[in-house]
Amino acid sequence: MKIRNIPLLLYLIAFVWLSAGFAQQPSVRSWISKADGSALLEEQPIQLFGKNDGRHFPIVVDERQTFQEIDGFGFALTGGSAELLHKMHLSSRSALLKELFGKGTNDVSISYLRLSIGASDLNRFVYSYNDLKDGETDIDLKKFSLGHDYDDIIPVLKEILAINPTLKIMASPWSAPTWMKTSGKVRGGSLKPEYYAVYAKYLLRYVQEMKKEGIVIDAITVQNEPLNSRNTPSMPITVPEMRIFLRDHLGPLFDKNAPETKIVLFDHNCDRPDYPLALLNDMELDRYVDGSGFHHYGGDISTMSLVHQARPDKNIYFTEQMVIQNSDVPIMNMAYQVERLVIGTMRNWSKNLILWNLAADPNNDPHTDNGGCSICQGALTLDGDAVSKNVAFHVIAQASKFVPPGSVRIQSNGPFDAVVNLTTDEENAEITRATSIAQGNVLPNVAFKTPEGKIVLIVANSSFTDRSVKIQYQGRFVNLPLAAGAIATYVWPI
């Protein structure tokens, strides 16, 4: 038999040979966001791993060393955020929510939301689920109602859950109903001891009533910012007060009636690790606690690793951080925020990242008076149906689009970690010497292994010069350019 089409046969043989070579040589896909906005999650040409070119020190990625499992990335869906979303025309809102929470090619796949139990300071007005007239009490919670949550929060959440049914939700109270407080006011004032049991039932009712609406609360924090009495609303709780409330009331009640809902301590700044650690030192209390939550308005982000080191059996969560951008400055501070928040929280054991908050209008409204945040810019600015995406959106999108829940953080060396340097012996060129060096030129980064079998590496060039990102994986290398102030997400198969 004669083979008449020799060129075609040779082409097929070459194609098979090249395909086999590429299969052994992983390819890297890259998505870049630049500080001047000229590229935002823009995919770059595919690059192949190859030999070491001898330049620069690499980011060495090792998926065999694993750390915490990731629950997700997202924002606080405040009452104000939900109100603005709910006022949009249905078609505009549906398209926006699909982009935010969908898993399509052009979506950013937000996987975690934080809600307020009752109003936060980013509501138009303050309310609880058991508001009474002066002098009234309701210890049996007969007048409990989700009330104003039905106006905006619940309808918007149901639309979101229809897009992403696996979304995780954390909820946090800013204050108990005023009739349970020593001040009788929404701002400040502590919880009266005689209402500890009632307030525990109040928080349980919230979880149960939301579940009836098809909204599963994965975790609650016991109190937003328990050391802050200046917000409207707010309710400070000292460590001794929290110990009694959680150990004797909330913990046993949730353990019996809502064991699937995690209880998270603290929910405040990184400058006070003593607060959660003092509580976790109580052996009767700690069995009810899943972990501790942190903000970064004070202290060092490494505090989370300190708490993890003290209690590695308890989880770490990052539950709030405001990220704003001055509109007069054309350059976005994305690299700094990604380094601080995405890379910083993940490398310090957090299972999630929640920024504050999802949406506000052009005036940073709505918010409460006399203690509401007037500078809290949303990740989105909503002006009717017009949508502007701010720096917080891009910070989260750079991670949420590529790191789904169930991913695991893996080993990658960061700035000033020890790396191996190979040099030629001065007297004998055939001999290679190996030394360990703390190399400061490695850019801040964090790496993950996804459930789909991919490696994701997020890198921030927070320097003022263009850099080359050198990656080492399983003995192969790739060099990729990264502009000053830019952030990158690199993805390749295991």
Protein backbone atom coordinates (compact mmCIF):
# COMPACT_ATOMS: atom_id res chain seq x y z
CA MET A 1 0.00 0.00 0.00
CA LYS A 2 1.35 3.41 -0.94
CA ILE A 3 0.97 6.46 1.24
CA ARG A 4 0.18 9.20 -1.21
CA ASN A 5 -0.06 12.18 1.16
CA ILE A 6 3.42 12.24 2.68
CA PRO A 7 3.33 15.97 3.79
CA LEU A 8 0.09 15.39 5.70
CA LEU A 9 1.51 12.31 7.43
CA LEU A 10 4.64 14.19 8.45
CA TYR A 11 2.49 17.03 9.76
CA LEU A 12 0.48 14.61 11.90
CA ILE A 13 3.62 12.99 13.28
CA ALA A 14 5.08 16.39 14.11
CA PHE A 15 1.84 17.48 15.76
CA VAL A 16 1.77 14.38 17.98
CA TRP A 17 5.44 14.86 18.88
CA LEU A 18 4.97 18.53 19.75
CA SER A 19 1.81 17.80 21.71
CA ALA A 20 3.67 15.25 23.80
CA GLY A 21 6.41 17.78 24.46
CA PHE A 22 3.97 20.49 25.52
CA ALA A 23 2.15 18.02 27.77
CA GLN A 24 5.41 17.48 29.66
CA GLN A 25 6.16 21.19 29.73
CA PRO A 26 3.44 23.05 31.71
CA SER A 27 2.08 26.27 30.29
CA VAL A 28 1.31 29.33 32.40
CA ARG A 29 -1.75 31.52 31.89
CA SER A 30 -1.48 35.05 33.30
CA TRP A 31 -4.03 37.72 34.22
CA ILE A 32 -2.64 41.21 34.88
CA SER A 33 -4.09 44.35 36.46
CA LYS A 34 -2.11 47.57 36.17
CA ALA A 35 -2.18 50.54 38.53
CA ASP A 36 -3.19 53.00 35.81
CA GLY A 37 -6.17 50.87 34.82
CA SER A 38 -4.85 50.20 31.32
CA ALA A 39 -5.19 46.49 32.04
CA LEU A 40 -7.72 45.00 34.47
CA LEU A 41 -7.70 41.22 34.74
CA GLU A 42 -6.33 41.17 31.22
CA GLU A 43 -5.12 37.79 30.04
CA GLN A 44 -1.58 37.69 28.66
CA PRO A 45 -0.01 35.33 26.08
CA ILE A 46 0.60 31.82 27.37
CA GLN A 47 4.17 31.07 28.49
CA LEU A 48 5.92 27.71 28.87
CA PHE A 49 8.08 26.49 31.74
CA GLY A 50 11.62 25.71 30.63
CA LYS A 51 15.23 25.78 31.77
CA ASN A 52 16.73 28.12 34.33
CA ASP A 53 18.13 31.21 32.66
CA GLY A 54 20.34 32.00 35.65
CA ARG A 55 18.85 35.46 36.22
CA HIS A 56 16.97 36.54 39.35
CA PHE A 57 15.89 34.47 42.32
CA PRO A 58 12.71 32.46 41.80
CA ILE A 59 9.46 32.12 43.64
CA VAL A 60 9.62 28.40 44.39
CA VAL A 61 6.15 26.81 44.48
CA ASP A 62 5.70 23.45 46.23
CA GLU A 63 2.20 21.95 46.32
CA ARG A 64 3.34 19.14 48.65
CA GLN A 65 3.50 21.59 51.57
CA THR A 66 -0.05 22.60 52.43
CA PHE A 67 -1.60 25.02 54.91
CA GLN A 68 -5.20 26.18 55.48
CA GLU A 69 -8.21 25.38 53.30
CA ILE A 70 -9.87 28.45 51.79
CA ASP A 71 -13.56 29.26 52.36
CA GLY A 72 -13.77 32.18 49.95
CA PHE A 73 -13.31 35.83 49.01
CA GLY A 74 -15.92 38.59 49.04
CA PHE A 75 -17.53 41.57 50.68
CA ALA A 76 -19.98 42.72 53.30
CA LEU A 77 -23.48 42.93 51.84
CA THR A 78 -24.58 45.78 54.11
CA GLY A 79 -28.14 47.03 54.27
CA GLY A 80 -27.05 50.06 52.28
CA SER A 81 -25.43 47.88 49.59
CA ALA A 82 -28.58 45.78 49.27
CA GLU A 83 -30.76 48.89 49.11
CA LEU A 84 -28.79 50.32 46.19
CA LEU A 85 -28.77 46.99 44.36
CA HIS A 86 -32.50 46.50 44.91
CA LYS A 87 -33.24 49.93 43.42
CA MET A 88 -31.57 49.02 40.12
CA HIS A 89 -33.69 47.91 37.20
CA LEU A 90 -34.07 44.14 37.17
CA SER A 91 -32.09 43.60 33.97
CA SER A 92 -29.19 45.76 35.16
CA ARG A 93 -29.11 44.15 38.59
CA SER A 94 -29.29 40.63 37.14
CA ALA A 95 -26.37 41.30 34.81
CA LEU A 96 -24.30 42.81 37.63
CA LEU A 97 -25.01 40.00 40.09
CA LYS A 98 -24.16 37.42 37.42
CA GLU A 99 -20.81 39.12 36.85
CA LEU A 100 -20.12 39.27 40.58
CA PHE A 101 -21.23 35.81 41.67
CA GLY A 102 -21.31 33.72 38.51
CA LYS A 103 -18.64 31.28 37.38
CA GLY A 104 -18.54 32.12 33.68
CA THR A 105 -15.55 33.33 31.69
CA ASN A 106 -16.33 37.01 32.34
CA ASP A 107 -17.45 36.59 35.97
CA VAL A 108 -15.36 37.12 39.11
CA SER A 109 -16.94 34.35 41.22
CA ILE A 110 -17.33 36.03 44.62
CA SER A 111 -17.76 33.16 47.09
CA TYR A 112 -18.24 34.76 50.54
CA LEU A 113 -20.51 37.46 52.00
CA ARG A 114 -20.84 39.01 55.41
CA LEU A 115 -24.21 40.25 56.68
CA SER A 116 -25.13 42.40 59.64
CA ILE A 117 -27.54 40.96 62.19
CA GLY A 118 -29.90 43.92 62.30
CA ALA A 119 -28.50 47.23 61.12
CA SER A 120 -24.83 48.15 60.76
CA ASP A 121 -23.47 51.68 60.47
CA LEU A 122 -23.86 51.34 56.68
CA ASN A 123 -27.65 51.25 56.85
CA ARG A 124 -29.81 54.27 56.18
CA PHE A 125 -31.29 53.93 59.68
CA VAL A 126 -30.87 51.70 62.74
CA TYR A 127 -33.17 48.79 63.50
CA SER A 128 -33.12 45.46 65.30
CA TYR A 129 -35.43 42.46 65.03
CA ASN A 130 -37.12 43.27 68.31
CA ASP A 131 -37.64 47.03 68.54
CA LEU A 132 -40.02 48.03 71.34
CA LYS A 133 -41.46 51.16 72.87
CA ASP A 134 -39.63 52.69 75.83
CA GLY A 135 -40.16 50.64 78.97
CA GLU A 136 -41.28 47.48 77.15
CA THR A 137 -39.51 44.13 77.25
CA ASP A 138 -40.05 40.87 75.35
CA ILE A 139 -38.10 38.11 77.04
CA ASP A 140 -39.96 35.42 75.06
CA LEU A 141 -39.18 37.23 71.78
CA LYS A 142 -42.83 37.04 70.71
CA LYS A 143 -42.35 40.20 68.61
CA PHE A 144 -39.16 38.99 66.91
CA SER A 145 -39.19 39.64 63.16
CA LEU A 146 -36.57 39.95 60.44
CA GLY A 147 -38.50 43.10 59.59
CA HIS A 148 -36.50 45.48 57.43
CA ASP A 149 -34.31 42.65 56.13
CA TYR A 150 -37.28 41.76 53.94
CA ASP A 151 -37.04 45.18 52.25
CA ASP A 152 -33.70 44.67 50.49
CA ILE A 153 -31.31 42.16 52.08
CA ILE A 154 -33.38 39.01 51.69
CA PRO A 155 -34.63 39.68 48.12
CA VAL A 156 -31.11 40.49 46.89
CA LEU A 157 -29.62 37.50 48.71
CA LYS A 158 -32.12 35.16 47.09
CA GLU A 159 -31.10 36.44 43.67
CA ILE A 160 -27.44 35.91 44.55
CA LEU A 161 -28.02 32.40 45.88
CA ALA A 162 -29.85 31.49 42.70
CA ILE A 163 -26.61 32.30 40.86
CA ASN A 164 -24.24 30.75 43.43
CA PRO A 165 -26.02 28.30 45.79
CA THR A 166 -22.73 27.35 47.49
CA LEU A 167 -21.99 30.92 48.65
CA LYS A 168 -20.80 31.04 52.27
CA ILE A 169 -22.35 33.63 54.56
CA MET A 170 -21.07 35.06 57.84
CA ALA A 171 -23.30 37.28 59.98
CA SER A 172 -22.32 39.76 62.70
CA PRO A 173 -24.37 41.84 65.18
CA TRP A 174 -23.55 45.49 65.77
CA SER A 175 -25.88 45.79 68.76
CA ALA A 176 -28.57 44.03 70.75
CA PRO A 177 -32.04 45.64 70.81
CA THR A 178 -31.88 48.78 72.95
CA TRP A 179 -34.17 47.39 75.66
CA MET A 180 -31.51 44.76 76.45
CA LYS A 181 -28.72 47.37 76.90
CA THR A 182 -27.49 49.35 79.89
CA SER A 183 -27.62 52.61 77.91
CA GLY A 184 -31.00 52.02 76.31
CA LYS A 185 -29.44 53.46 73.13
CA VAL A 186 -28.19 52.06 69.85
CA ARG A 187 -24.72 53.57 70.30
CA GLY A 188 -22.55 52.17 73.09
CA GLY A 189 -23.87 50.61 76.25
CA SER A 190 -23.31 46.99 77.23
CA LEU A 191 -25.64 44.01 77.32
CA LYS A 192 -27.48 43.69 80.62
CA PRO A 193 -26.56 40.41 82.38
CA GLU A 194 -30.21 39.58 82.97
CA TYR A 195 -30.70 39.45 79.19
CA TYR A 196 -27.72 37.23 78.30
CA ALA A 197 -29.97 34.20 77.80
CA VAL A 198 -32.55 36.22 75.85
CA TYR A 199 -29.95 37.71 73.54
CA ALA A 200 -28.49 34.27 72.86
CA LYS A 201 -31.97 33.14 71.79
CA TYR A 202 -32.28 36.30 69.68
CA LEU A 203 -29.14 35.38 67.71
CA LEU A 204 -30.35 31.81 67.33
CA ARG A 205 -33.72 33.03 66.05
CA TYR A 206 -31.94 35.06 63.40
CA VAL A 207 -30.14 31.97 62.10
CA GLN A 208 -33.34 29.92 62.20
CA GLU A 209 -35.51 32.53 60.49
CA MET A 210 -32.94 33.11 57.76
CA LYS A 211 -32.80 29.36 57.17
CA LYS A 212 -36.57 29.37 56.63
CA GLU A 213 -35.93 31.87 53.85
CA GLY A 214 -33.41 29.51 52.26
CA ILE A 215 -30.42 31.50 53.54
CA VAL A 216 -27.94 29.35 55.46
CA ILE A 217 -25.67 31.19 57.87
CA ASP A 218 -22.35 29.35 57.88
CA ALA A 219 -20.84 31.35 60.76
CA ILE A 220 -21.62 34.17 63.14
CA THR A 221 -19.26 36.45 64.99
CA VAL A 222 -20.49 37.17 68.51
CA GLN A 223 -20.05 40.94 68.24
CA ASN A 224 -18.67 43.27 65.62
CA GLU A 225 -15.78 45.26 67.11
CA PRO A 226 -16.43 44.47 70.77
CA LEU A 227 -13.93 47.16 71.83
CA ASN A 228 -15.65 49.93 69.84
CA SER A 229 -18.38 52.08 71.39
CA ARG A 230 -18.32 54.89 68.82
CA ASN A 231 -20.24 53.38 65.92
CA THR A 232 -23.98 53.81 65.44
CA PRO A 233 -24.96 51.11 66.28
CA SER A 234 -22.36 49.55 68.60
CA MET A 235 -22.14 47.50 71.79
CA PRO A 236 -18.80 46.94 73.54
CA ILE A 237 -18.31 43.65 75.38
CA THR A 238 -15.39 43.04 77.74
CA VAL A 239 -13.57 39.72 77.95
CA PRO A 240 -15.22 38.76 81.30
CA GLU A 241 -18.66 39.65 79.88
CA MET A 242 -18.00 37.73 76.68
CA ARG A 243 -16.78 34.71 78.62
CA ILE A 244 -20.00 34.42 80.59
CA PHE A 245 -22.27 35.13 77.62
CA LEU A 246 -20.54 32.67 75.31
CA ARG A 247 -19.70 29.91 77.80
CA ASP A 248 -22.98 29.84 79.69
CA HIS A 249 -25.52 30.94 77.09
CA LEU A 250 -24.69 31.32 73.39
CA GLY A 251 -22.33 28.34 73.08
CA PRO A 252 -24.57 25.70 74.66
CA LEU A 253 -27.64 27.06 72.84
CA PHE A 254 -26.02 26.89 69.38
CA ASP A 255 -24.39 23.57 70.17
CA LYS A 256 -27.83 22.08 70.77
CA ASN A 257 -29.95 23.93 68.19
CA ALA A 258 -27.64 25.12 65.39
CA PRO A 259 -24.43 23.05 65.52
CA GLU A 260 -23.83 23.61 61.80
CA THR A 261 -23.35 27.37 62.38
CA LYS A 262 -19.81 28.20 63.47
CA ILE A 263 -19.14 30.68 66.28
CA VAL A 264 -16.24 33.09 65.66
CA LEU A 265 -14.64 35.23 68.38
CA PHE A 266 -13.41 38.81 68.46
CA ASP A 267 -14.09 40.33 64.99
CA HIS A 268 -11.83 43.31 65.69
CA ASN A 269 -8.34 44.69 65.07
CA CYS A 270 -4.98 42.93 64.94
CA ASP A 271 -3.63 45.00 67.85
CA ARG A 272 -5.51 42.97 70.50
CA PRO A 273 -4.70 39.25 70.21
CA ASP A 274 -5.12 39.02 73.98
CA TYR A 275 -8.90 39.24 73.58
CA PRO A 276 -9.49 35.99 71.68
CA LEU A 277 -6.59 34.16 73.34
CA ALA A 278 -7.87 34.94 76.84
CA LEU A 279 -11.24 33.47 75.90
CA LEU A 280 -9.76 30.41 74.19
CA ASN A 281 -7.82 29.76 77.38
CA ASP A 282 -11.14 28.85 79.03
CA MET A 283 -11.47 25.11 78.47
CA GLU A 284 -15.22 25.19 79.09
CA LEU A 285 -15.69 27.87 76.42
CA ASP A 286 -13.31 26.94 73.66
CA ARG A 287 -15.22 23.83 72.59
CA TYR A 288 -17.99 26.08 71.27
CA VAL A 289 -15.62 28.27 69.22
CA ASP A 290 -14.51 27.59 65.66
CA GLY A 291 -11.96 30.40 65.51
CA SER A 292 -11.22 34.13 65.66
CA GLY A 293 -11.93 36.99 63.23
CA PHE A 294 -9.77 40.05 62.56
CA HIS A 295 -9.84 43.51 60.99
CA HIS A 296 -6.76 45.52 60.03
CA TYR A 297 -7.48 49.08 61.13
CA GLY A 298 -4.85 48.62 63.82
CA GLY A 299 -1.96 46.29 64.62
CA ASP A 300 0.11 44.04 62.36
CA ILE A 301 -1.41 41.42 60.09
CA SER A 302 1.06 38.85 61.46
CA THR A 303 -0.99 38.88 64.66
CA MET A 304 -3.20 36.27 63.03
CA SER A 305 -0.22 33.91 62.82
CA LEU A 306 0.50 34.60 66.47
CA VAL A 307 -3.02 33.49 67.40
CA HIS A 308 -2.71 30.49 65.08
CA GLN A 309 0.58 29.54 66.72
CA ALA A 310 -1.03 29.67 70.16
CA ARG A 311 -4.12 27.71 69.06
CA PRO A 312 -3.48 25.91 65.75
CA ASP A 313 -6.63 23.86 66.33
CA LYS A 314 -8.79 26.97 65.82
CA ASN A 315 -9.46 28.71 62.52
CA ILE A 316 -8.54 32.26 61.53
CA TYR A 317 -10.89 34.54 59.57
CA PHE A 318 -10.42 38.01 58.12
CA THR A 319 -13.83 39.60 58.52
CA GLU A 320 -13.54 43.27 57.60
CA GLN A 321 -11.38 45.95 56.01
CA MET A 322 -12.33 49.19 54.32
CA VAL A 323 -10.37 49.88 51.11
CA ILE A 324 -10.80 53.31 49.54
CA GLN A 325 -9.29 55.16 46.63
CA ASN A 326 -8.85 58.93 46.28
CA SER A 327 -10.64 59.90 43.08
CA ASP A 328 -8.11 62.69 42.50
CA VAL A 329 -5.29 60.13 42.14
CA PRO A 330 -5.25 58.39 38.75
CA ILE A 331 -3.09 55.50 39.98
CA MET A 332 -4.87 52.77 41.94
CA ASN A 333 -3.11 51.34 45.00
CA MET A 334 -3.97 47.77 44.01
CA ALA A 335 -0.53 46.26 44.56
CA TYR A 336 -0.27 47.58 48.10
CA GLN A 337 -3.76 46.35 48.96
CA VAL A 338 -3.22 42.93 47.39
CA GLU A 339 0.07 42.60 49.26
CA ARG A 340 -1.54 43.63 52.55
CA LEU A 341 -4.89 41.89 52.26
CA VAL A 342 -4.86 38.99 49.81
CA ILE A 343 -1.25 37.94 50.35
CA GLY A 344 -1.00 39.13 53.96
CA THR A 345 -4.17 37.47 55.22
CA MET A 346 -3.64 34.21 53.36
CA ARG A 347 -0.02 33.83 54.44
CA ASN A 348 -1.16 34.45 58.01
CA TRP A 349 -3.64 31.57 58.06
CA SER A 350 -6.95 33.23 57.21
CA LYS A 351 -9.55 30.99 55.60
CA ASN A 352 -11.30 33.91 53.94
CA LEU A 353 -11.05 37.57 52.98
CA ILE A 354 -14.01 39.95 53.40
CA LEU A 355 -13.72 43.63 52.46
CA TRP A 356 -16.00 46.43 53.64
CA ASN A 357 -18.27 46.89 51.74
CA LEU A 358 -19.91 45.78 48.48
CA ALA A 359 -21.57 49.00 47.28
CA ALA A 360 -22.21 52.66 48.08
CA ASP A 361 -23.48 55.62 46.08
CA PRO A 362 -21.25 58.46 44.79
CA ASN A 363 -21.51 60.21 48.20
CA ASN A 364 -20.56 57.05 50.13
CA ASP A 365 -24.15 56.76 51.31
CA PRO A 366 -26.19 55.32 52.84
CA HIS A 367 -24.87 55.28 56.39
CA THR A 368 -26.18 56.11 59.84
CA ASP A 369 -25.73 59.51 61.46
CA ASN A 370 -23.52 60.16 64.49
CA GLY A 371 -21.19 57.21 64.10
CA GLY A 372 -21.81 55.87 60.61
CA CYS A 373 -18.89 55.66 58.21
CA SER A 374 -18.96 58.66 55.86
CA ILE A 375 -15.75 57.68 53.99
CA CYS A 376 -16.57 54.01 53.34
CA GLN A 377 -16.36 53.70 49.58
CA GLY A 378 -17.96 50.58 48.16
CA ALA A 379 -16.18 48.10 45.97
CA LEU A 380 -18.83 49.31 43.55
CA THR A 381 -20.18 52.83 43.21
CA LEU A 382 -23.83 52.57 42.19
CA ASP A 383 -25.58 55.61 40.76
CA GLY A 384 -28.92 54.19 39.71
CA ASP A 385 -28.02 51.60 37.08
CA ALA A 386 -24.58 53.12 36.46
CA VAL A 387 -21.78 50.97 37.94
CA SER A 388 -18.20 52.02 38.69
CA LYS A 389 -15.67 49.48 39.94
CA ASN A 390 -13.28 50.68 42.62
CA VAL A 391 -9.98 49.37 43.91
CA ALA A 392 -11.58 46.95 46.42
CA PHE A 393 -13.40 45.20 43.58
CA HIS A 394 -10.17 44.61 41.68
CA VAL A 395 -8.35 43.39 44.81
CA ILE A 396 -10.95 40.69 45.46
CA ALA A 397 -11.47 39.79 41.79
CA GLN A 398 -7.78 39.02 41.36
CA ALA A 399 -8.24 36.16 43.85
CA SER A 400 -11.92 35.16 43.78
CA LYS A 401 -11.97 34.42 40.05
CA PHE A 402 -9.18 31.86 40.34
CA VAL A 403 -9.22 30.50 43.93
CA PRO A 404 -12.53 28.72 44.57
CA PRO A 405 -13.67 27.45 47.99
CA GLY A 406 -11.93 24.21 48.86
CA SER A 407 -8.59 25.42 47.52
CA VAL A 408 -5.59 24.98 49.81
CA ARG A 409 -2.77 27.42 50.37
CA ILE A 410 0.57 25.85 49.45
CA GLN A 411 4.20 26.72 50.01
CA SER A 412 5.87 29.56 48.13
CA ASN A 413 8.79 31.62 49.35
CA GLY A 414 8.22 35.32 50.00
CA PRO A 415 10.50 38.35 50.40
CA PHE A 416 13.56 37.64 52.59
CA ASP A 417 12.74 33.95 52.94
CA ALA A 418 15.81 31.78 52.58
CA VAL A 419 16.45 30.58 49.02
CA VAL A 420 19.19 28.43 47.54
CA ASN A 421 21.83 30.14 45.39
CA LEU A 422 23.97 28.03 43.06
CA THR A 423 27.38 29.44 42.07
CA THR A 424 30.44 28.14 40.25
CA ASP A 425 33.48 27.43 42.38
CA GLU A 426 36.09 30.17 41.88
CA GLU A 427 38.98 27.71 41.55
CA ASN A 428 37.25 24.83 39.78
CA ALA A 429 34.57 25.65 37.21
CA GLU A 430 33.32 22.06 37.26
CA ILE A 431 32.20 22.37 40.86
CA THR A 432 28.87 24.01 41.79
CA ARG A 433 28.48 25.51 45.25
CA ALA A 434 25.12 25.91 47.05
CA THR A 435 24.44 28.62 49.62
CA SER A 436 21.32 29.81 51.43
CA ILE A 437 20.42 33.49 51.03
CA ALA A 438 17.58 35.64 52.41
CA GLN A 439 16.64 37.22 49.10
CA GLY A 440 14.76 40.52 49.25
CA ASN A 441 14.14 40.74 45.51
CA VAL A 442 11.40 38.10 45.52
CA LEU A 443 8.04 39.87 45.15
CA PRO A 444 5.22 39.38 47.68
CA ASN A 445 3.12 36.37 46.69
CA VAL A 446 0.82 33.58 47.81
CA ALA A 447 0.08 30.24 46.15
CA PHE A 448 -2.85 27.83 46.15
CA LYS A 449 -3.82 24.41 44.86
CA THR A 450 -7.42 24.30 43.59
CA PRO A 451 -9.86 21.36 43.73
CA GLU A 452 -9.65 21.23 39.91
CA GLY A 453 -5.94 20.44 40.06
CA LYS A 454 -4.47 23.82 39.22
CA ILE A 455 -1.77 25.94 40.83
CA VAL A 456 -2.66 29.60 41.36
CA LEU A 457 0.06 32.11 42.23
CA ILE A 458 -0.87 35.72 43.07
CA VAL A 459 1.97 38.27 42.93
CA ALA A 460 2.02 41.98 43.76
CA ASN A 461 4.69 44.32 42.42
CA SER A 462 4.35 46.99 45.08
CA SER A 463 7.70 48.49 44.08
CA PHE A 464 8.19 51.55 41.87
CA THR A 465 10.05 49.71 39.12
CA ASP A 466 9.10 47.16 36.49
CA ARG A 467 10.13 43.67 37.60
CA SER A 468 10.51 40.14 36.31
CA VAL A 469 8.65 37.39 38.15
CA LYS A 470 10.67 34.19 38.03
CA ILE A 471 8.74 31.08 39.02
CA GLN A 472 10.22 27.67 39.76
CA TYR A 473 7.90 24.65 39.72
CA GLN A 474 9.08 21.03 39.78
CA GLY A 475 12.52 21.99 38.54
CA ARG A 476 11.30 24.11 35.62
CA PHE A 477 11.36 27.88 35.34
CA VAL A 478 9.48 30.71 33.70
CA ASN A 479 10.18 34.48 33.66
CA LEU A 480 7.25 36.85 33.32
CA PRO A 481 7.31 40.67 33.27
CA LEU A 482 5.28 42.63 35.82
CA ALA A 483 4.99 46.41 35.67
CA ALA A 484 5.47 48.67 38.69
CA GLY A 485 2.31 48.78 40.79
CA ALA A 486 0.75 45.86 38.93
CA ILE A 487 -0.72 42.62 40.25
CA ALA A 488 -0.77 39.25 38.54
CA THR A 489 -2.48 35.90 38.90
CA TYR A 490 -0.63 32.99 37.29
CA VAL A 491 -2.37 29.65 36.71
CA TRP A 492 -0.96 26.32 35.51
CA PRO A 493 -1.91 22.63 35.81
CA ILE A 494 -0.40 20.36 38.44
